[in-house]
Amino acid sequence: MTKRTIYSLYEDKKMLFRAAVKRAIDEWTMPIDELRVLETDDLEATLTAIARVRVDYSISPIGLKLQRIINAESYRFPDMARLMYEQGAVPTIRYLADLLERHAKHGKFGVEDPEVLAQSFMSLLVGGPTRGVVLGRTADMRDIEMRIRINIRLFLNGIRARGRTYE
């Protein structure tokens, strides 16, 4: 494509940047069906599988590049950061909230606000283990796996019905 062709499609560099980032977000966004196939009757196993898949998405080459671009440019393009959150995280948060609510009906733990719990899960299980990798640290999969196991137990013990523990 020539420069003339590109600028006949996009008003300016900002519009071109937005289109490129939006396309990358669309390609990177995880379909919720990929999470649904991980679901079992065992909440701990389901949450562990979801955490692994979400971390893998986050530290994939496209995931890392996209997060670094968004981090670097979010002050100039806050709409792109918002789009990444709305497309990348919100559907997973809603799915997790529904999952937690369904499991809470069995009385093993309490769900006061399932969406807040789902956001906390994403922050603890996905944000925590991937933050260092996004900032340039080498991905140590054994360390990430250990963090997922520990944080799943922490999360489940935090929401459990009193008198019950997950081990």
C-alpha atoms as a PDB file:
ATOM      1  CA  MET A   1       0.000   0.000   0.000  1.00  0.00           C
ATOM      2  CA  THR A   2       1.162   3.470  -0.701  1.00  0.00           C
ATOM      3  CA  LYS A   3       1.045   6.315   1.760  1.00  0.00           C
ATOM      4  CA  ARG A   4      -1.666   7.944  -0.347  1.00  0.00           C
ATOM      5  CA  THR A   5      -3.816   4.793  -0.169  1.00  0.00           C
ATOM      6  CA  ILE A   6      -3.395   4.535   3.598  1.00  0.00           C
ATOM      7  CA  TYR A   7      -4.346   8.157   4.167  1.00  0.00           C
ATOM      8  CA  SER A   8      -7.335   7.823   1.871  1.00  0.00           C
ATOM      9  CA  LEU A   9      -8.579   5.223   4.351  1.00  0.00           C
ATOM     10  CA  TYR A  10      -7.481   6.981   7.554  1.00  0.00           C
ATOM     11  CA  GLU A  11      -7.725  10.670   8.322  1.00  0.00           C
ATOM     12  CA  ASP A  12      -4.409  10.899  10.131  1.00  0.00           C
ATOM     13  CA  LYS A  13      -1.801   8.942  12.083  1.00  0.00           C
ATOM     14  CA  LYS A  14      -4.012   8.810  15.180  1.00  0.00           C
ATOM     15  CA  MET A  15      -6.840   7.169  13.256  1.00  0.00           C
ATOM     16  CA  LEU A  16      -4.392   4.717  11.686  1.00  0.00           C
ATOM     17  CA  PHE A  17      -2.962   3.886  15.117  1.00  0.00           C
ATOM     18  CA  ARG A  18      -6.445   3.352  16.571  1.00  0.00           C
ATOM     19  CA  ALA A  19      -7.385   1.052  13.683  1.00  0.00           C
ATOM     20  CA  ALA A  20      -4.177  -0.977  14.047  1.00  0.00           C
ATOM     21  CA  VAL A  21      -4.583  -1.343  17.810  1.00  0.00           C
ATOM     22  CA  LYS A  22      -8.278  -2.201  17.499  1.00  0.00           C
ATOM     23  CA  ARG A  23      -7.416  -4.921  15.000  1.00  0.00           C
ATOM     24  CA  ALA A  24      -4.739  -6.311  17.335  1.00  0.00           C
ATOM     25  CA  ILE A  25      -7.223  -6.282  20.246  1.00  0.00           C
ATOM     26  CA  ASP A  26      -9.818  -8.081  18.099  1.00  0.00           C
ATOM     27  CA  GLU A  27      -7.263 -10.765  17.170  1.00  0.00           C
ATOM     28  CA  TRP A  28      -6.017 -11.123  20.750  1.00  0.00           C
ATOM     29  CA  THR A  29      -9.398 -11.238  22.487  1.00  0.00           C
ATOM     30  CA  MET A  30     -10.185 -14.650  23.910  1.00  0.00           C
ATOM     31  CA  PRO A  31     -13.552 -16.110  22.928  1.00  0.00           C
ATOM     32  CA  ILE A  32     -15.567 -17.051  26.018  1.00  0.00           C
ATOM     33  CA  ASP A  33     -16.282 -20.439  24.435  1.00  0.00           C
ATOM     34  CA  GLU A  34     -12.607 -21.264  25.107  1.00  0.00           C
ATOM     35  CA  LEU A  35     -13.300 -20.785  28.812  1.00  0.00           C
ATOM     36  CA  ARG A  36     -16.580 -22.684  28.802  1.00  0.00           C
ATOM     37  CA  VAL A  37     -14.882 -25.866  27.573  1.00  0.00           C
ATOM     38  CA  LEU A  38     -12.605 -25.732  30.634  1.00  0.00           C
ATOM     39  CA  GLU A  39     -15.518 -25.819  33.068  1.00  0.00           C
ATOM     40  CA  THR A  40     -16.003 -28.864  35.278  1.00  0.00           C
ATOM     41  CA  ASP A  41     -17.918 -29.556  38.490  1.00  0.00           C
ATOM     42  CA  ASP A  42     -14.649 -28.955  40.387  1.00  0.00           C
ATOM     43  CA  LEU A  43     -14.416 -25.187  40.891  1.00  0.00           C
ATOM     44  CA  GLU A  44     -10.736 -25.279  41.860  1.00  0.00           C
ATOM     45  CA  ALA A  45      -9.808 -27.223  38.716  1.00  0.00           C
ATOM     46  CA  THR A  46     -11.930 -24.922  36.551  1.00  0.00           C
ATOM     47  CA  LEU A  47     -10.439 -21.734  38.016  1.00  0.00           C
ATOM     48  CA  THR A  48      -6.924 -23.154  37.691  1.00  0.00           C
ATOM     49  CA  ALA A  49      -7.494 -23.995  34.019  1.00  0.00           C
ATOM     50  CA  ILE A  50      -8.977 -20.540  33.365  1.00  0.00           C
ATOM     51  CA  ALA A  51      -6.043 -18.831  35.091  1.00  0.00           C
ATOM     52  CA  ARG A  52      -3.553 -20.829  33.013  1.00  0.00           C
ATOM     53  CA  VAL A  53      -5.269 -19.995  29.736  1.00  0.00           C
ATOM     54  CA  ARG A  54      -5.635 -16.300  30.590  1.00  0.00           C
ATOM     55  CA  VAL A  55      -1.982 -16.053  31.664  1.00  0.00           C
ATOM     56  CA  ASP A  56      -0.924 -17.797  28.443  1.00  0.00           C
ATOM     57  CA  TYR A  57      -2.948 -15.272  26.430  1.00  0.00           C
ATOM     58  CA  SER A  58      -1.453 -12.386  28.376  1.00  0.00           C
ATOM     59  CA  ILE A  59       2.146 -13.471  27.908  1.00  0.00           C
ATOM     60  CA  SER A  60       1.779 -14.614  24.305  1.00  0.00           C
ATOM     61  CA  PRO A  61       3.894 -12.570  21.882  1.00  0.00           C
ATOM     62  CA  ILE A  62       0.883 -10.597  20.623  1.00  0.00           C
ATOM     63  CA  GLY A  63      -0.437 -10.182  24.175  1.00  0.00           C
ATOM     64  CA  LEU A  64       2.859  -8.757  25.409  1.00  0.00           C
ATOM     65  CA  LYS A  65       3.248  -6.407  22.444  1.00  0.00           C
ATOM     66  CA  LEU A  66      -0.313  -5.204  22.773  1.00  0.00           C
ATOM     67  CA  GLN A  67      -0.064  -4.579  26.519  1.00  0.00           C
ATOM     68  CA  ARG A  68       3.213  -2.710  26.092  1.00  0.00           C
ATOM     69  CA  ILE A  69       1.737  -0.512  23.367  1.00  0.00           C
ATOM     70  CA  ILE A  70      -1.367   0.178  25.449  1.00  0.00           C
ATOM     71  CA  ASN A  71       0.753   0.938  28.538  1.00  0.00           C
ATOM     72  CA  ALA A  72       2.993   3.307  26.592  1.00  0.00           C
ATOM     73  CA  GLU A  73       0.217   5.111  24.722  1.00  0.00           C
ATOM     74  CA  SER A  74      -2.721   5.031  27.151  1.00  0.00           C
ATOM     75  CA  TYR A  75      -2.183   8.648  28.207  1.00  0.00           C
ATOM     76  CA  ARG A  76      -2.724   9.754  24.582  1.00  0.00           C
ATOM     77  CA  PHE A  77      -5.260   7.080  23.664  1.00  0.00           C
ATOM     78  CA  PRO A  78      -7.281   6.250  26.796  1.00  0.00           C
ATOM     79  CA  ASP A  79     -10.045   4.921  24.557  1.00  0.00           C
ATOM     80  CA  MET A  80      -7.709   2.131  23.390  1.00  0.00           C
ATOM     81  CA  ALA A  81      -6.936   1.099  26.974  1.00  0.00           C
ATOM     82  CA  ARG A  82     -10.654   1.110  27.721  1.00  0.00           C
ATOM     83  CA  LEU A  83     -11.363  -0.955  24.587  1.00  0.00           C
ATOM     84  CA  MET A  84      -8.729  -3.515  25.557  1.00  0.00           C
ATOM     85  CA  TYR A  85     -10.262  -3.815  29.022  1.00  0.00           C
ATOM     86  CA  GLU A  86     -13.837  -4.000  27.714  1.00  0.00           C
ATOM     87  CA  GLN A  87     -13.052  -6.580  25.024  1.00  0.00           C
ATOM     88  CA  GLY A  88     -10.286  -8.476  26.780  1.00  0.00           C
ATOM     89  CA  ALA A  89     -11.270  -8.573  30.439  1.00  0.00           C
ATOM     90  CA  VAL A  90     -14.966  -7.727  30.834  1.00  0.00           C
ATOM     91  CA  PRO A  91     -16.356 -10.824  29.055  1.00  0.00           C
ATOM     92  CA  THR A  92     -14.110 -13.049  31.196  1.00  0.00           C
ATOM     93  CA  ILE A  93     -15.128 -11.173  34.347  1.00  0.00           C
ATOM     94  CA  ARG A  94     -18.809 -11.659  33.495  1.00  0.00           C
ATOM     95  CA  TYR A  95     -18.249 -15.335  32.777  1.00  0.00           C
ATOM     96  CA  LEU A  96     -16.370 -15.795  36.073  1.00  0.00           C
ATOM     97  CA  ALA A  97     -19.069 -13.913  38.006  1.00  0.00           C
ATOM     98  CA  ASP A  98     -21.695 -16.259  36.591  1.00  0.00           C
ATOM     99  CA  LEU A  99     -19.510 -19.302  37.339  1.00  0.00           C
ATOM    100  CA  LEU A 100     -18.966 -18.191  40.954  1.00  0.00           C
ATOM    101  CA  GLU A 101     -22.653 -17.462  41.420  1.00  0.00           C
ATOM    102  CA  ARG A 102     -23.621 -20.900  40.130  1.00  0.00           C
ATOM    103  CA  HIS A 103     -21.143 -22.614  42.454  1.00  0.00           C
ATOM    104  CA  ALA A 104     -22.231 -20.489  45.415  1.00  0.00           C
ATOM    105  CA  LYS A 105     -25.688 -22.041  45.173  1.00  0.00           C
ATOM    106  CA  HIS A 106     -24.145 -25.246  46.542  1.00  0.00           C
ATOM    107  CA  GLY A 107     -23.303 -23.416  49.790  1.00  0.00           C
ATOM    108  CA  LYS A 108     -19.544 -23.968  49.758  1.00  0.00           C
ATOM    109  CA  PHE A 109     -18.825 -20.252  49.726  1.00  0.00           C
ATOM    110  CA  GLY A 110     -20.570 -16.932  49.795  1.00  0.00           C
ATOM    111  CA  VAL A 111     -20.830 -14.517  46.920  1.00  0.00           C
ATOM    112  CA  GLU A 112     -21.710 -11.026  48.028  1.00  0.00           C
ATOM    113  CA  ASP A 113     -20.785  -9.374  44.729  1.00  0.00           C
ATOM    114  CA  PRO A 114     -19.795 -11.904  42.053  1.00  0.00           C
ATOM    115  CA  GLU A 115     -18.452  -9.267  39.652  1.00  0.00           C
ATOM    116  CA  VAL A 116     -16.096  -7.821  42.285  1.00  0.00           C
ATOM    117  CA  LEU A 117     -14.912 -11.336  43.105  1.00  0.00           C
ATOM    118  CA  ALA A 118     -14.334 -12.035  39.405  1.00  0.00           C
ATOM    119  CA  GLN A 119     -12.348  -8.794  39.052  1.00  0.00           C
ATOM    120  CA  SER A 120     -10.306  -9.771  42.102  1.00  0.00           C
ATOM    121  CA  PHE A 121      -9.655 -13.185  40.595  1.00  0.00           C
ATOM    122  CA  MET A 122      -8.397 -11.625  37.355  1.00  0.00           C
ATOM    123  CA  SER A 123      -6.173  -9.200  39.217  1.00  0.00           C
ATOM    124  CA  LEU A 124      -4.711 -11.812  41.549  1.00  0.00           C
ATOM    125  CA  LEU A 125      -4.431 -14.746  39.158  1.00  0.00           C
ATOM    126  CA  VAL A 126      -3.760 -13.094  35.828  1.00  0.00           C
ATOM    127  CA  GLY A 127      -2.532  -9.570  36.514  1.00  0.00           C
ATOM    128  CA  GLY A 128      -0.076 -10.564  39.219  1.00  0.00           C
ATOM    129  CA  PRO A 129       1.758 -13.387  37.447  1.00  0.00           C
ATOM    130  CA  THR A 130       1.939 -11.534  34.119  1.00  0.00           C
ATOM    131  CA  ARG A 131       2.867  -8.023  35.284  1.00  0.00           C
ATOM    132  CA  GLY A 132       6.577  -8.801  35.575  1.00  0.00           C
ATOM    133  CA  VAL A 133       6.633 -10.488  32.183  1.00  0.00           C
ATOM    134  CA  VAL A 134       4.953  -7.471  30.578  1.00  0.00           C
ATOM    135  CA  LEU A 135       7.660  -5.293  32.125  1.00  0.00           C
ATOM    136  CA  GLY A 136      10.437  -7.424  30.632  1.00  0.00           C
ATOM    137  CA  ARG A 137      11.125 -10.232  33.095  1.00  0.00           C
ATOM    138  CA  THR A 138      11.582 -13.657  31.489  1.00  0.00           C
ATOM    139  CA  ALA A 139       8.539 -15.894  31.833  1.00  0.00           C
ATOM    140  CA  ASP A 140       9.403 -18.672  34.272  1.00  0.00           C
ATOM    141  CA  MET A 141       6.555 -21.122  33.788  1.00  0.00           C
ATOM    142  CA  ARG A 142       7.349 -23.034  36.994  1.00  0.00           C
ATOM    143  CA  ASP A 143       7.110 -19.788  38.968  1.00  0.00           C
ATOM    144  CA  ILE A 144       3.887 -18.813  37.205  1.00  0.00           C
ATOM    145  CA  GLU A 145       2.402 -22.262  37.864  1.00  0.00           C
ATOM    146  CA  MET A 146       3.368 -22.033  41.553  1.00  0.00           C
ATOM    147  CA  ARG A 147       1.766 -18.570  41.807  1.00  0.00           C
ATOM    148  CA  ILE A 148      -1.414 -19.843  40.177  1.00  0.00           C
ATOM    149  CA  ARG A 149      -1.672 -22.757  42.651  1.00  0.00           C
ATOM    150  CA  ILE A 150      -1.022 -20.566  45.699  1.00  0.00           C
ATOM    151  CA  ASN A 151      -3.324 -17.777  44.542  1.00  0.00           C
ATOM    152  CA  ILE A 152      -6.168 -20.172  43.670  1.00  0.00           C
ATOM    153  CA  ARG A 153      -6.071 -21.498  47.244  1.00  0.00           C
ATOM    154  CA  LEU A 154      -5.871 -17.967  48.623  1.00  0.00           C
ATOM    155  CA  PHE A 155      -8.840 -16.918  46.494  1.00  0.00           C
ATOM    156  CA  LEU A 156     -10.962 -19.956  47.364  1.00  0.00           C
ATOM    157  CA  ASN A 157     -10.166 -19.730  51.079  1.00  0.00           C
ATOM    158  CA  GLY A 158     -11.069 -16.050  50.956  1.00  0.00           C
ATOM    159  CA  ILE A 159     -14.571 -16.739  49.631  1.00  0.00           C
ATOM    160  CA  ARG A 160     -15.264 -20.059  51.355  1.00  0.00           C
ATOM    161  CA  ALA A 161     -18.130 -20.505  53.748  1.00  0.00           C
ATOM    162  CA  ARG A 162     -16.763 -20.256  57.286  1.00  0.00           C
ATOM    163  CA  GLY A 163     -15.719 -23.614  58.699  1.00  0.00           C
ATOM    164  CA  ARG A 164     -14.548 -24.961  55.309  1.00  0.00           C
ATOM    165  CA  THR A 165     -11.096 -24.800  53.740  1.00  0.00           C
ATOM    166  CA  TYR A 166      -9.663 -25.709  50.358  1.00  0.00           C
ATOM    167  CA  GLU A 167      -6.444 -27.664  50.430  1.00  0.00           C
END
